[in-house]
Amino acid sequence: MPEKTRTEDLPLISVIVPVYKVERYLDRCIQSIVDQTYRNLEIILVDDGSPDACPDMCDAWAARDCRIRVIHQENRGLGAARNSGIRISTGELIGFVDSDDWLEPTMYEVLYRSLTKENADTSMITGVLEYPNGRQIYLYHPDLHLVMTTSESFKYINLPGYSTISAWSKLIKRSTLGNIRFPEGCTGEDWQFTYDILAASVRTTFDSTPQYHYRQVAGSLSNTSTNFNFAGYEATKNMVKLVHQKFPEQLPFALYGQMRSMVSLYDQALVTGHAKEQQWRDFAEDTRTFVNQNMKAVTESVTLPRGRRLQLKLMAISPTLYGVFFLLHKRIHPERSK
């Protein structure tokens, strides 16, 4: 582990950590933030009405490290918890961590260096998916460093492996954050937040070196029918409108992003057994129509992986046929992340 760098005289970074029912993982998460080589941190733990030992654990950590502040509030959800943290934060720079994950010791130093070196408004890193059986998945192109204009950021955010929606991946200037906040009362709040941040950033950097460990809790999504990412889908539609108006040169990439969002949402309906319901039949038909209307524009600008091209062609032909192949693939390869 590298020696801690003297960064007390560098800008204060506020790290906001919503906490809810993660007592098994919380100590590792907080320890990884406390141990950052970038020392000038304000660590804000937002106890979102957690019914377990987390509230006491947060208070104990605050007693051990003067950089830690704690908010206790009634349960209001992830977006509201992050917004509460933003409200009391004082740092010139803002970051977010999910309380069941953990960081590499250099994460915020890497983010800060990238931000300052490129005179950027937002910097991003990547993470590794961590599964309970010890399996790890890395989803990004290796050794990649991008410096993007606002327009270019809407190209790369829609290309898998070149950027990431997740709030934890980012370090954001407070002046860029402004009045941007997370949607509340929904899942998928990272999508609209990220699009708003990219639109407000004149320059954004992306470093594909993994600095974050993103814990995958078995069954958290695929076995739950209430976690459909409608907010992410609506945010993606809003993003397409924004790109059409302000960055038309990136429209094929935005359309591709909407295709992926629609197909992913339908995949959730298939996995949870809801696809035969009328609302999902209608949604599948809307998806088929959207893919057929925009496939030519997308393929003229976007190089699609063979598997993705086949996926979209099947959806364009028949959502029923697509569903058969999708569920068969999931049965043969249950270990693969969607």
C-alpha atoms as a PDB file:
ATOM      1  CA  MET A   1       0.000   0.000   0.000  1.00  0.00           C
ATOM      2  CA  PRO A   2       1.452   3.407  -0.928  1.00  0.00           C
ATOM      3  CA  GLU A   3       2.438   5.854   1.761  1.00  0.00           C
ATOM      4  CA  LYS A   4      -0.124   8.499   2.542  1.00  0.00           C
ATOM      5  CA  THR A   5       0.538  11.706   0.631  1.00  0.00           C
ATOM      6  CA  ARG A   6       0.377  15.074   2.385  1.00  0.00           C
ATOM      7  CA  THR A   7      -2.745  16.611   0.861  1.00  0.00           C
ATOM      8  CA  GLU A   8      -4.029  18.660   3.799  1.00  0.00           C
ATOM      9  CA  ASP A   9      -3.348  21.862   1.881  1.00  0.00           C
ATOM     10  CA  LEU A  10      -5.198  20.654  -1.210  1.00  0.00           C
ATOM     11  CA  PRO A  11      -8.940  21.266  -1.747  1.00  0.00           C
ATOM     12  CA  LEU A  12     -11.374  19.578   0.614  1.00  0.00           C
ATOM     13  CA  ILE A  13     -13.231  16.636  -0.903  1.00  0.00           C
ATOM     14  CA  SER A  14     -16.645  15.845   0.601  1.00  0.00           C
ATOM     15  CA  VAL A  15     -17.319  12.096   0.336  1.00  0.00           C
ATOM     16  CA  ILE A  16     -21.016  11.336   0.818  1.00  0.00           C
ATOM     17  CA  VAL A  17     -21.955   7.821   1.940  1.00  0.00           C
ATOM     18  CA  PRO A  18     -25.645   6.858   2.287  1.00  0.00           C
ATOM     19  CA  VAL A  19     -25.999   4.059   4.845  1.00  0.00           C
ATOM     20  CA  TYR A  20     -28.871   1.583   5.052  1.00  0.00           C
ATOM     21  CA  LYS A  21     -28.852  -2.050   6.286  1.00  0.00           C
ATOM     22  CA  VAL A  22     -25.185  -2.731   5.512  1.00  0.00           C
ATOM     23  CA  GLU A  23     -23.792  -3.623   8.929  1.00  0.00           C
ATOM     24  CA  ARG A  24     -21.866  -6.593   7.432  1.00  0.00           C
ATOM     25  CA  TYR A  25     -19.997  -4.328   5.027  1.00  0.00           C
ATOM     26  CA  LEU A  26     -19.903  -0.864   6.561  1.00  0.00           C
ATOM     27  CA  ASP A  27     -16.606  -1.093   8.448  1.00  0.00           C
ATOM     28  CA  ARG A  28     -14.695  -2.180   5.357  1.00  0.00           C
ATOM     29  CA  CYS A  29     -16.265   0.633   3.342  1.00  0.00           C
ATOM     30  CA  ILE A  30     -15.464   3.385   5.836  1.00  0.00           C
ATOM     31  CA  GLN A  31     -11.973   2.028   6.515  1.00  0.00           C
ATOM     32  CA  SER A  32     -11.192   2.216   2.797  1.00  0.00           C
ATOM     33  CA  ILE A  33     -12.232   5.892   2.762  1.00  0.00           C
ATOM     34  CA  VAL A  34     -10.332   6.748   5.948  1.00  0.00           C
ATOM     35  CA  ASP A  35      -7.204   5.138   4.448  1.00  0.00           C
ATOM     36  CA  GLN A  36      -7.221   7.222   1.268  1.00  0.00           C
ATOM     37  CA  THR A  37      -3.834   8.651   0.256  1.00  0.00           C
ATOM     38  CA  TYR A  38      -5.698  11.925  -0.382  1.00  0.00           C
ATOM     39  CA  ARG A  39      -6.089  13.008   3.234  1.00  0.00           C
ATOM     40  CA  ASN A  40      -8.103  16.221   3.083  1.00  0.00           C
ATOM     41  CA  LEU A  41     -11.523  14.600   3.217  1.00  0.00           C
ATOM     42  CA  GLU A  42     -14.874  15.422   4.772  1.00  0.00           C
ATOM     43  CA  ILE A  43     -16.591  12.047   5.135  1.00  0.00           C
ATOM     44  CA  ILE A  44     -20.362  12.401   5.507  1.00  0.00           C
ATOM     45  CA  LEU A  45     -22.220   9.264   6.632  1.00  0.00           C
ATOM     46  CA  VAL A  46     -25.956   9.577   6.048  1.00  0.00           C
ATOM     47  CA  ASP A  47     -27.815   7.052   8.193  1.00  0.00           C
ATOM     48  CA  ASP A  48     -31.027   6.722   6.188  1.00  0.00           C
ATOM     49  CA  GLY A  49     -33.087   5.278   9.039  1.00  0.00           C
ATOM     50  CA  SER A  50     -31.187   1.996   9.039  1.00  0.00           C
ATOM     51  CA  PRO A  51     -32.884  -0.507  11.394  1.00  0.00           C
ATOM     52  CA  ASP A  52     -29.719  -2.482  12.196  1.00  0.00           C
ATOM     53  CA  ALA A  53     -26.461  -1.582  13.969  1.00  0.00           C
ATOM     54  CA  CYS A  54     -25.426   0.935  11.302  1.00  0.00           C
ATOM     55  CA  PRO A  55     -26.457   4.110  13.199  1.00  0.00           C
ATOM     56  CA  ASP A  56     -24.255   3.172  16.184  1.00  0.00           C
ATOM     57  CA  MET A  57     -21.435   2.117  13.871  1.00  0.00           C
ATOM     58  CA  CYS A  58     -21.539   5.490  12.124  1.00  0.00           C
ATOM     59  CA  ASP A  59     -21.360   7.333  15.457  1.00  0.00           C
ATOM     60  CA  ALA A  60     -18.447   5.144  16.572  1.00  0.00           C
ATOM     61  CA  TRP A  61     -16.520   5.986  13.420  1.00  0.00           C
ATOM     62  CA  ALA A  62     -17.179   9.700  13.924  1.00  0.00           C
ATOM     63  CA  ALA A  63     -15.707   9.422  17.410  1.00  0.00           C
ATOM     64  CA  ARG A  64     -12.551   7.822  15.966  1.00  0.00           C
ATOM     65  CA  ASP A  65     -11.886  10.202  13.055  1.00  0.00           C
ATOM     66  CA  CYS A  66     -12.559  13.940  13.190  1.00  0.00           C
ATOM     67  CA  ARG A  67     -13.058  14.045   9.397  1.00  0.00           C
ATOM     68  CA  ILE A  68     -16.292  12.047   9.733  1.00  0.00           C
ATOM     69  CA  ARG A  69     -19.696  13.682  10.150  1.00  0.00           C
ATOM     70  CA  VAL A  70     -22.963  11.771  10.645  1.00  0.00           C
ATOM     71  CA  ILE A  71     -26.541  12.576   9.694  1.00  0.00           C
ATOM     72  CA  HIS A  72     -29.371  10.487  11.155  1.00  0.00           C
ATOM     73  CA  GLN A  73     -32.666  10.777   9.279  1.00  0.00           C
ATOM     74  CA  GLU A  74     -35.843   8.826   8.621  1.00  0.00           C
ATOM     75  CA  ASN A  75     -35.662   6.425   5.712  1.00  0.00           C
ATOM     76  CA  ARG A  76     -36.164   8.394   2.489  1.00  0.00           C
ATOM     77  CA  GLY A  77     -34.194   6.416  -0.064  1.00  0.00           C
ATOM     78  CA  LEU A  78     -30.816   6.654  -1.780  1.00  0.00           C
ATOM     79  CA  GLY A  79     -31.399   9.842  -3.756  1.00  0.00           C
ATOM     80  CA  ALA A  80     -32.706  11.754  -0.731  1.00  0.00           C
ATOM     81  CA  ALA A  81     -29.835  10.490   1.446  1.00  0.00           C
ATOM     82  CA  ARG A  82     -27.253  11.725  -1.058  1.00  0.00           C
ATOM     83  CA  ASN A  83     -29.039  15.067  -1.307  1.00  0.00           C
ATOM     84  CA  SER A  84     -28.951  15.391   2.488  1.00  0.00           C
ATOM     85  CA  GLY A  85     -25.217  14.832   2.358  1.00  0.00           C
ATOM     86  CA  ILE A  86     -24.787  17.439  -0.356  1.00  0.00           C
ATOM     87  CA  ARG A  87     -26.778  19.938   1.703  1.00  0.00           C
ATOM     88  CA  ILE A  88     -24.375  19.885   4.676  1.00  0.00           C
ATOM     89  CA  SER A  89     -21.164  19.312   2.701  1.00  0.00           C
ATOM     90  CA  THR A  90     -18.502  22.026   2.661  1.00  0.00           C
ATOM     91  CA  GLY A  91     -15.917  20.614   0.242  1.00  0.00           C
ATOM     92  CA  GLU A  92     -14.821  22.299  -2.956  1.00  0.00           C
ATOM     93  CA  LEU A  93     -15.107  18.855  -4.584  1.00  0.00           C
ATOM     94  CA  ILE A  94     -17.843  16.229  -4.156  1.00  0.00           C
ATOM     95  CA  GLY A  95     -17.741  12.426  -4.380  1.00  0.00           C
ATOM     96  CA  PHE A  96     -20.064   9.547  -3.521  1.00  0.00           C
ATOM     97  CA  VAL A  97     -19.531   6.038  -2.183  1.00  0.00           C
ATOM     98  CA  ASP A  98     -22.068   3.232  -1.711  1.00  0.00           C
ATOM     99  CA  SER A  99     -21.818   1.848   1.804  1.00  0.00           C
ATOM    100  CA  ASP A 100     -21.495  -1.838   0.873  1.00  0.00           C
ATOM    101  CA  ASP A 101     -18.528  -1.192  -1.448  1.00  0.00           C
ATOM    102  CA  TRP A 102     -14.864  -0.373  -0.878  1.00  0.00           C
ATOM    103  CA  LEU A 103     -12.142   1.721  -2.521  1.00  0.00           C
ATOM    104  CA  GLU A 104      -8.555   1.348  -3.588  1.00  0.00           C
ATOM    105  CA  PRO A 105      -6.376   3.584  -1.356  1.00  0.00           C
ATOM    106  CA  THR A 106      -5.471   5.872  -4.275  1.00  0.00           C
ATOM    107  CA  MET A 107      -8.958   6.450  -5.681  1.00  0.00           C
ATOM    108  CA  TYR A 108      -9.476  10.077  -4.704  1.00  0.00           C
ATOM    109  CA  GLU A 109      -5.866  10.966  -5.403  1.00  0.00           C
ATOM    110  CA  VAL A 110      -6.258   9.577  -8.942  1.00  0.00           C
ATOM    111  CA  LEU A 111      -9.534  11.428  -9.437  1.00  0.00           C
ATOM    112  CA  TYR A 112      -8.077  14.696  -8.151  1.00  0.00           C
ATOM    113  CA  ARG A 113      -4.926  14.481 -10.251  1.00  0.00           C
ATOM    114  CA  SER A 114      -6.935  13.785 -13.395  1.00  0.00           C
ATOM    115  CA  LEU A 115      -9.272  16.669 -12.638  1.00  0.00           C
ATOM    116  CA  THR A 116      -6.489  19.193 -12.093  1.00  0.00           C
ATOM    117  CA  LYS A 117      -4.134  17.969 -14.818  1.00  0.00           C
ATOM    118  CA  GLU A 118      -6.808  18.397 -17.491  1.00  0.00           C
ATOM    119  CA  ASN A 119      -8.508  21.428 -15.921  1.00  0.00           C
ATOM    120  CA  ALA A 120     -11.729  19.416 -15.901  1.00  0.00           C
ATOM    121  CA  ASP A 121     -15.020  19.952 -14.101  1.00  0.00           C
ATOM    122  CA  THR A 122     -15.709  16.265 -13.504  1.00  0.00           C
ATOM    123  CA  SER A 123     -13.366  13.273 -13.396  1.00  0.00           C
ATOM    124  CA  MET A 124     -14.343   9.606 -13.510  1.00  0.00           C
ATOM    125  CA  ILE A 125     -12.749   6.251 -12.723  1.00  0.00           C
ATOM    126  CA  THR A 126     -14.011   2.673 -13.028  1.00  0.00           C
ATOM    127  CA  GLY A 127     -14.613  -0.254 -10.730  1.00  0.00           C
ATOM    128  CA  VAL A 128     -14.610  -4.013 -10.515  1.00  0.00           C
ATOM    129  CA  LEU A 129     -17.810  -5.989  -9.935  1.00  0.00           C
ATOM    130  CA  GLU A 130     -17.274  -8.170  -6.859  1.00  0.00           C
ATOM    131  CA  TYR A 131     -19.404 -11.320  -6.478  1.00  0.00           C
ATOM    132  CA  PRO A 132     -19.986 -13.329  -3.273  1.00  0.00           C
ATOM    133  CA  ASN A 133     -18.116 -16.338  -4.686  1.00  0.00           C
ATOM    134  CA  GLY A 134     -15.005 -14.224  -5.238  1.00  0.00           C
ATOM    135  CA  ARG A 135     -15.566 -13.792  -8.964  1.00  0.00           C
ATOM    136  CA  GLN A 136     -14.598 -10.401 -10.388  1.00  0.00           C
ATOM    137  CA  ILE A 137     -15.758  -8.748 -13.605  1.00  0.00           C
ATOM    138  CA  TYR A 138     -14.170  -5.711 -15.213  1.00  0.00           C
ATOM    139  CA  LEU A 139     -16.396  -4.098 -17.859  1.00  0.00           C
ATOM    140  CA  TYR A 140     -14.203  -1.319 -19.251  1.00  0.00           C
ATOM    141  CA  HIS A 141     -11.551  -0.929 -21.931  1.00  0.00           C
ATOM    142  CA  PRO A 142      -8.113  -1.180 -20.275  1.00  0.00           C
ATOM    143  CA  ASP A 143      -5.518   1.618 -20.170  1.00  0.00           C
ATOM    144  CA  LEU A 144      -7.974   4.219 -21.389  1.00  0.00           C
ATOM    145  CA  HIS A 145      -7.757   7.910 -20.532  1.00  0.00           C
ATOM    146  CA  LEU A 146     -10.248  10.267 -22.149  1.00  0.00           C
ATOM    147  CA  VAL A 147     -10.517  14.035 -21.966  1.00  0.00           C
ATOM    148  CA  MET A 148     -13.963  14.935 -23.278  1.00  0.00           C
ATOM    149  CA  THR A 149     -15.805  18.078 -24.256  1.00  0.00           C
ATOM    150  CA  THR A 150     -19.444  18.309 -23.235  1.00  0.00           C
ATOM    151  CA  SER A 151     -20.476  16.990 -26.637  1.00  0.00           C
ATOM    152  CA  GLU A 152     -17.982  14.110 -26.569  1.00  0.00           C
ATOM    153  CA  SER A 153     -19.108  13.068 -23.101  1.00  0.00           C
ATOM    154  CA  PHE A 154     -22.552  12.274 -24.534  1.00  0.00           C
ATOM    155  CA  LYS A 155     -20.914  10.051 -27.114  1.00  0.00           C
ATOM    156  CA  TYR A 156     -18.881   8.032 -24.645  1.00  0.00           C
ATOM    157  CA  ILE A 157     -21.512   7.762 -21.901  1.00  0.00           C
ATOM    158  CA  ASN A 158     -23.550   5.761 -24.420  1.00  0.00           C
ATOM    159  CA  LEU A 159     -20.730   3.388 -25.373  1.00  0.00           C
ATOM    160  CA  PRO A 160     -20.211   0.472 -22.959  1.00  0.00           C
ATOM    161  CA  GLY A 161     -16.674   0.355 -21.618  1.00  0.00           C
ATOM    162  CA  TYR A 162     -15.868   4.024 -22.187  1.00  0.00           C
ATOM    163  CA  SER A 163     -17.679   5.707 -19.317  1.00  0.00           C
ATOM    164  CA  THR A 164     -20.004   4.984 -16.424  1.00  0.00           C
ATOM    165  CA  ILE A 165     -23.344   6.227 -15.117  1.00  0.00           C
ATOM    166  CA  SER A 166     -22.625   5.382 -11.468  1.00  0.00           C
ATOM    167  CA  ALA A 167     -22.369   8.261  -9.007  1.00  0.00           C
ATOM    168  CA  TRP A 168     -19.498   6.567  -7.150  1.00  0.00           C
ATOM    169  CA  SER A 169     -17.265   6.898 -10.221  1.00  0.00           C
ATOM    170  CA  LYS A 170     -17.120  10.687 -10.118  1.00  0.00           C
ATOM    171  CA  LEU A 171     -15.358  13.622  -8.520  1.00  0.00           C
ATOM    172  CA  ILE A 172     -17.272  16.834  -9.231  1.00  0.00           C
ATOM    173  CA  LYS A 173     -16.445  20.479  -8.691  1.00  0.00           C
ATOM    174  CA  ARG A 174     -18.991  22.156  -6.426  1.00  0.00           C
ATOM    175  CA  SER A 175     -19.227  24.979  -8.946  1.00  0.00           C
ATOM    176  CA  THR A 176     -20.266  22.407 -11.554  1.00  0.00           C
ATOM    177  CA  LEU A 177     -22.694  20.631  -9.237  1.00  0.00           C
ATOM    178  CA  GLY A 178     -24.550  23.885  -8.535  1.00  0.00           C
ATOM    179  CA  ASN A 179     -28.210  23.087  -7.912  1.00  0.00           C
ATOM    180  CA  ILE A 180     -28.096  19.644  -9.547  1.00  0.00           C
ATOM    181  CA  ARG A 181     -29.530  17.004  -7.220  1.00  0.00           C
ATOM    182  CA  PHE A 182     -30.545  13.356  -7.344  1.00  0.00           C
ATOM    183  CA  PRO A 183     -34.147  12.420  -8.150  1.00  0.00           C
ATOM    184  CA  GLU A 184     -35.897  11.129  -5.034  1.00  0.00           C
ATOM    185  CA  GLY A 185     -38.371   8.313  -4.484  1.00  0.00           C
ATOM    186  CA  CYS A 186     -37.177   6.088  -7.317  1.00  0.00           C
ATOM    187  CA  THR A 187     -34.478   3.629  -8.343  1.00  0.00           C
ATOM    188  CA  GLY A 188     -32.079   4.504 -11.144  1.00  0.00           C
ATOM    189  CA  GLU A 189     -31.403   7.978  -9.740  1.00  0.00           C
ATOM    190  CA  ASP A 190     -27.810   7.953 -11.031  1.00  0.00           C
ATOM    191  CA  TRP A 191     -28.938   8.272 -14.647  1.00  0.00           C
ATOM    192  CA  GLN A 192     -30.541  11.714 -14.583  1.00  0.00           C
ATOM    193  CA  PHE A 193     -27.898  12.977 -12.166  1.00  0.00           C
ATOM    194  CA  THR A 194     -25.067  11.878 -14.454  1.00  0.00           C
ATOM    195  CA  TYR A 195     -26.625  13.358 -17.581  1.00  0.00           C
ATOM    196  CA  ASP A 196     -27.147  16.666 -15.739  1.00  0.00           C
ATOM    197  CA  ILE A 197     -23.533  16.668 -14.513  1.00  0.00           C
ATOM    198  CA  LEU A 198     -22.135  15.925 -17.972  1.00  0.00           C
ATOM    199  CA  ALA A 199     -24.248  18.702 -19.474  1.00  0.00           C
ATOM    200  CA  ALA A 200     -22.862  21.121 -16.873  1.00  0.00           C
ATOM    201  CA  SER A 201     -19.224  20.043 -17.364  1.00  0.00           C
ATOM    202  CA  VAL A 202     -17.177  21.866 -19.980  1.00  0.00           C
ATOM    203  CA  ARG A 203     -14.526  19.152 -19.701  1.00  0.00           C
ATOM    204  CA  THR A 204     -14.766  15.627 -18.271  1.00  0.00           C
ATOM    205  CA  THR A 205     -12.033  13.032 -17.814  1.00  0.00           C
ATOM    206  CA  PHE A 206     -12.294   9.251 -17.691  1.00  0.00           C
ATOM    207  CA  ASP A 207      -9.571   6.877 -16.455  1.00  0.00           C
ATOM    208  CA  SER A 208     -10.341   3.182 -16.888  1.00  0.00           C
ATOM    209  CA  THR A 209      -7.912   2.058 -14.187  1.00  0.00           C
ATOM    210  CA  PRO A 210     -10.179   0.308 -11.640  1.00  0.00           C
ATOM    211  CA  GLN A 211     -10.206   2.088  -8.284  1.00  0.00           C
ATOM    212  CA  TYR A 212     -13.572   0.962  -6.873  1.00  0.00           C
ATOM    213  CA  HIS A 213     -14.958  -2.408  -5.751  1.00  0.00           C
ATOM    214  CA  TYR A 214     -18.675  -2.650  -6.491  1.00  0.00           C
ATOM    215  CA  ARG A 215     -20.243  -5.426  -4.428  1.00  0.00           C
ATOM    216  CA  GLN A 216     -22.870  -7.545  -6.187  1.00  0.00           C
ATOM    217  CA  VAL A 217     -25.407  -8.886  -3.698  1.00  0.00           C
ATOM    218  CA  ALA A 218     -26.955 -12.104  -5.009  1.00  0.00           C
ATOM    219  CA  GLY A 219     -30.594 -11.739  -6.039  1.00  0.00           C
ATOM    220  CA  SER A 220     -30.825  -8.027  -5.379  1.00  0.00           C
ATOM    221  CA  LEU A 221     -32.237  -7.179  -8.802  1.00  0.00           C
ATOM    222  CA  SER A 222     -33.197 -10.231 -10.804  1.00  0.00           C
ATOM    223  CA  ASN A 223     -35.422 -11.674  -8.072  1.00  0.00           C
ATOM    224  CA  THR A 224     -37.204  -8.423  -7.298  1.00  0.00           C
ATOM    225  CA  SER A 225     -40.142  -7.181  -9.353  1.00  0.00           C
ATOM    226  CA  THR A 226     -40.178  -3.727  -7.780  1.00  0.00           C
ATOM    227  CA  ASN A 227     -36.753  -2.595  -9.002  1.00  0.00           C
ATOM    228  CA  PHE A 228     -37.578  -1.828 -12.633  1.00  0.00           C
ATOM    229  CA  ASN A 229     -35.350   1.050 -13.703  1.00  0.00           C
ATOM    230  CA  PHE A 230     -38.092   3.278 -15.104  1.00  0.00           C
ATOM    231  CA  ALA A 231     -36.279   6.377 -13.829  1.00  0.00           C
ATOM    232  CA  GLY A 232     -33.183   5.417 -15.809  1.00  0.00           C
ATOM    233  CA  TYR A 233     -35.266   4.862 -18.910  1.00  0.00           C
ATOM    234  CA  GLU A 234     -37.035   8.224 -18.580  1.00  0.00           C
ATOM    235  CA  ALA A 235     -33.703   9.935 -17.945  1.00  0.00           C
ATOM    236  CA  THR A 236     -32.278   8.345 -21.086  1.00  0.00           C
ATOM    237  CA  LYS A 237     -35.210   9.644 -23.143  1.00  0.00           C
ATOM    238  CA  ASN A 238     -34.542  13.111 -21.728  1.00  0.00           C
ATOM    239  CA  MET A 239     -30.873  12.715 -22.628  1.00  0.00           C
ATOM    240  CA  VAL A 240     -31.769  11.922 -26.246  1.00  0.00           C
ATOM    241  CA  LYS A 241     -33.864  15.104 -26.437  1.00  0.00           C
ATOM    242  CA  LEU A 242     -30.992  17.139 -25.001  1.00  0.00           C
ATOM    243  CA  VAL A 243     -28.486  15.668 -27.459  1.00  0.00           C
ATOM    244  CA  HIS A 244     -30.863  16.240 -30.362  1.00  0.00           C
ATOM    245  CA  GLN A 245     -31.158  19.917 -29.401  1.00  0.00           C
ATOM    246  CA  LYS A 246     -27.589  20.753 -28.363  1.00  0.00           C
ATOM    247  CA  PHE A 247     -25.227  18.068 -29.664  1.00  0.00           C
ATOM    248  CA  PRO A 248     -26.825  16.606 -32.821  1.00  0.00           C
ATOM    249  CA  GLU A 249     -23.475  15.193 -33.935  1.00  0.00           C
ATOM    250  CA  GLN A 250     -23.791  12.672 -31.084  1.00  0.00           C
ATOM    251  CA  LEU A 251     -27.410  11.687 -31.774  1.00  0.00           C
ATOM    252  CA  PRO A 252     -26.636   8.173 -33.131  1.00  0.00           C
ATOM    253  CA  PHE A 253     -24.823   7.376 -29.896  1.00  0.00           C
ATOM    254  CA  ALA A 254     -27.691   8.761 -27.807  1.00  0.00           C
ATOM    255  CA  LEU A 255     -30.189   6.677 -29.784  1.00  0.00           C
ATOM    256  CA  TYR A 256     -28.023   3.627 -29.162  1.00  0.00           C
ATOM    257  CA  GLY A 257     -28.096   4.451 -25.463  1.00  0.00           C
ATOM    258  CA  GLN A 258     -31.881   4.535 -25.530  1.00  0.00           C
ATOM    259  CA  MET A 259     -32.022   1.213 -27.368  1.00  0.00           C
ATOM    260  CA  ARG A 260     -29.849  -0.369 -24.691  1.00  0.00           C
ATOM    261  CA  SER A 261     -31.976   1.160 -21.935  1.00  0.00           C
ATOM    262  CA  MET A 262     -35.218  -0.143 -23.452  1.00  0.00           C
ATOM    263  CA  VAL A 263     -33.854  -3.636 -24.071  1.00  0.00           C
ATOM    264  CA  SER A 264     -32.379  -3.778 -20.566  1.00  0.00           C
ATOM    265  CA  LEU A 265     -35.730  -2.818 -19.047  1.00  0.00           C
ATOM    266  CA  TYR A 266     -37.490  -5.498 -21.064  1.00  0.00           C
ATOM    267  CA  ASP A 267     -34.836  -7.988 -19.946  1.00  0.00           C
ATOM    268  CA  GLN A 268     -35.866  -7.262 -16.360  1.00  0.00           C
ATOM    269  CA  ALA A 269     -39.472  -8.034 -17.243  1.00  0.00           C
ATOM    270  CA  LEU A 270     -38.390 -11.335 -18.811  1.00  0.00           C
ATOM    271  CA  VAL A 271     -36.246 -12.383 -15.851  1.00  0.00           C
ATOM    272  CA  THR A 272     -38.927 -11.539 -13.286  1.00  0.00           C
ATOM    273  CA  GLY A 273     -41.706 -13.257 -15.251  1.00  0.00           C
ATOM    274  CA  HIS A 274     -43.682 -10.094 -16.032  1.00  0.00           C
ATOM    275  CA  ALA A 275     -43.137 -10.010 -19.794  1.00  0.00           C
ATOM    276  CA  LYS A 276     -46.539 -11.568 -20.582  1.00  0.00           C
ATOM    277  CA  GLU A 277     -48.400  -8.733 -18.872  1.00  0.00           C
ATOM    278  CA  GLN A 278     -50.062  -6.308 -21.261  1.00  0.00           C
ATOM    279  CA  GLN A 279     -47.986  -3.287 -20.221  1.00  0.00           C
ATOM    280  CA  TRP A 280     -44.809  -5.204 -21.031  1.00  0.00           C
ATOM    281  CA  ARG A 281     -46.217  -6.516 -24.303  1.00  0.00           C
ATOM    282  CA  ASP A 282     -46.889  -2.904 -25.244  1.00  0.00           C
ATOM    283  CA  PHE A 283     -43.428  -1.863 -24.091  1.00  0.00           C
ATOM    284  CA  ALA A 284     -41.827  -4.665 -26.108  1.00  0.00           C
ATOM    285  CA  GLU A 285     -43.676  -3.501 -29.213  1.00  0.00           C
ATOM    286  CA  ASP A 286     -42.552   0.094 -28.569  1.00  0.00           C
ATOM    287  CA  THR A 287     -38.990  -1.189 -28.267  1.00  0.00           C
ATOM    288  CA  ARG A 288     -39.262  -3.150 -31.511  1.00  0.00           C
ATOM    289  CA  THR A 289     -40.582  -0.066 -33.300  1.00  0.00           C
ATOM    290  CA  PHE A 290     -37.856   2.177 -31.866  1.00  0.00           C
ATOM    291  CA  VAL A 291     -35.100  -0.225 -32.884  1.00  0.00           C
ATOM    292  CA  ASN A 292     -36.476  -0.551 -36.422  1.00  0.00           C
ATOM    293  CA  GLN A 293     -36.818   3.218 -36.814  1.00  0.00           C
ATOM    294  CA  ASN A 294     -33.311   4.047 -35.619  1.00  0.00           C
ATOM    295  CA  MET A 295     -31.127   1.020 -36.370  1.00  0.00           C
ATOM    296  CA  LYS A 296     -29.807   2.445 -39.645  1.00  0.00           C
ATOM    297  CA  ALA A 297     -28.769   5.753 -38.071  1.00  0.00           C
ATOM    298  CA  VAL A 298     -27.071   3.944 -35.208  1.00  0.00           C
ATOM    299  CA  THR A 299     -25.122   1.403 -37.287  1.00  0.00           C
ATOM    300  CA  GLU A 300     -23.832   4.110 -39.621  1.00  0.00           C
ATOM    301  CA  SER A 301     -21.959   5.747 -36.714  1.00  0.00           C
ATOM    302  CA  VAL A 302     -21.638   3.145 -33.953  1.00  0.00           C
ATOM    303  CA  THR A 303     -19.549  -0.014 -34.264  1.00  0.00           C
ATOM    304  CA  LEU A 304     -21.742  -2.594 -32.553  1.00  0.00           C
ATOM    305  CA  PRO A 305     -20.296  -5.760 -31.012  1.00  0.00           C
ATOM    306  CA  ARG A 306     -21.572  -8.871 -32.762  1.00  0.00           C
ATOM    307  CA  GLY A 307     -23.620  -9.982 -29.756  1.00  0.00           C
ATOM    308  CA  ARG A 308     -25.280  -6.586 -29.400  1.00  0.00           C
ATOM    309  CA  ARG A 309     -26.060  -6.435 -33.116  1.00  0.00           C
ATOM    310  CA  LEU A 310     -27.700  -9.874 -32.933  1.00  0.00           C
ATOM    311  CA  GLN A 311     -29.646  -8.836 -29.835  1.00  0.00           C
ATOM    312  CA  LEU A 312     -31.061  -5.759 -31.536  1.00  0.00           C
ATOM    313  CA  LYS A 313     -31.844  -7.637 -34.763  1.00  0.00           C
ATOM    314  CA  LEU A 314     -33.817 -10.237 -32.803  1.00  0.00           C
ATOM    315  CA  MET A 315     -35.737  -7.499 -30.990  1.00  0.00           C
ATOM    316  CA  ALA A 316     -36.444  -5.766 -34.306  1.00  0.00           C
ATOM    317  CA  ILE A 317     -37.859  -8.990 -35.762  1.00  0.00           C
ATOM    318  CA  SER A 318     -39.897 -10.219 -32.797  1.00  0.00           C
ATOM    319  CA  PRO A 319     -39.802  -9.470 -29.048  1.00  0.00           C
ATOM    320  CA  THR A 320     -41.222 -12.971 -28.475  1.00  0.00           C
ATOM    321  CA  LEU A 321     -38.359 -14.548 -30.389  1.00  0.00           C
ATOM    322  CA  TYR A 322     -35.907 -12.308 -28.576  1.00  0.00           C
ATOM    323  CA  GLY A 323     -37.347 -13.393 -25.213  1.00  0.00           C
ATOM    324  CA  VAL A 324     -36.911 -17.099 -26.048  1.00  0.00           C
ATOM    325  CA  PHE A 325     -33.251 -16.624 -26.953  1.00  0.00           C
ATOM    326  CA  PHE A 326     -32.574 -14.305 -24.003  1.00  0.00           C
ATOM    327  CA  LEU A 327     -33.982 -16.710 -21.397  1.00  0.00           C
ATOM    328  CA  LEU A 328     -32.208 -19.651 -23.026  1.00  0.00           C
ATOM    329  CA  HIS A 329     -28.927 -17.741 -22.872  1.00  0.00           C
ATOM    330  CA  LYS A 330     -29.520 -16.890 -19.199  1.00  0.00           C
ATOM    331  CA  ARG A 331     -30.186 -20.556 -18.462  1.00  0.00           C
ATOM    332  CA  ILE A 332     -27.008 -21.706 -20.213  1.00  0.00           C
ATOM    333  CA  HIS A 333     -24.858 -18.899 -18.773  1.00  0.00           C
ATOM    334  CA  PRO A 334     -26.378 -18.026 -15.378  1.00  0.00           C
ATOM    335  CA  GLU A 335     -23.022 -16.759 -14.158  1.00  0.00           C
ATOM    336  CA  ARG A 336     -22.771 -13.990 -16.740  1.00  0.00           C
ATOM    337  CA  SER A 337     -23.641 -10.452 -15.796  1.00  0.00           C
ATOM    338  CA  LYS A 338     -26.235  -8.888 -18.075  1.00  0.00           C
END
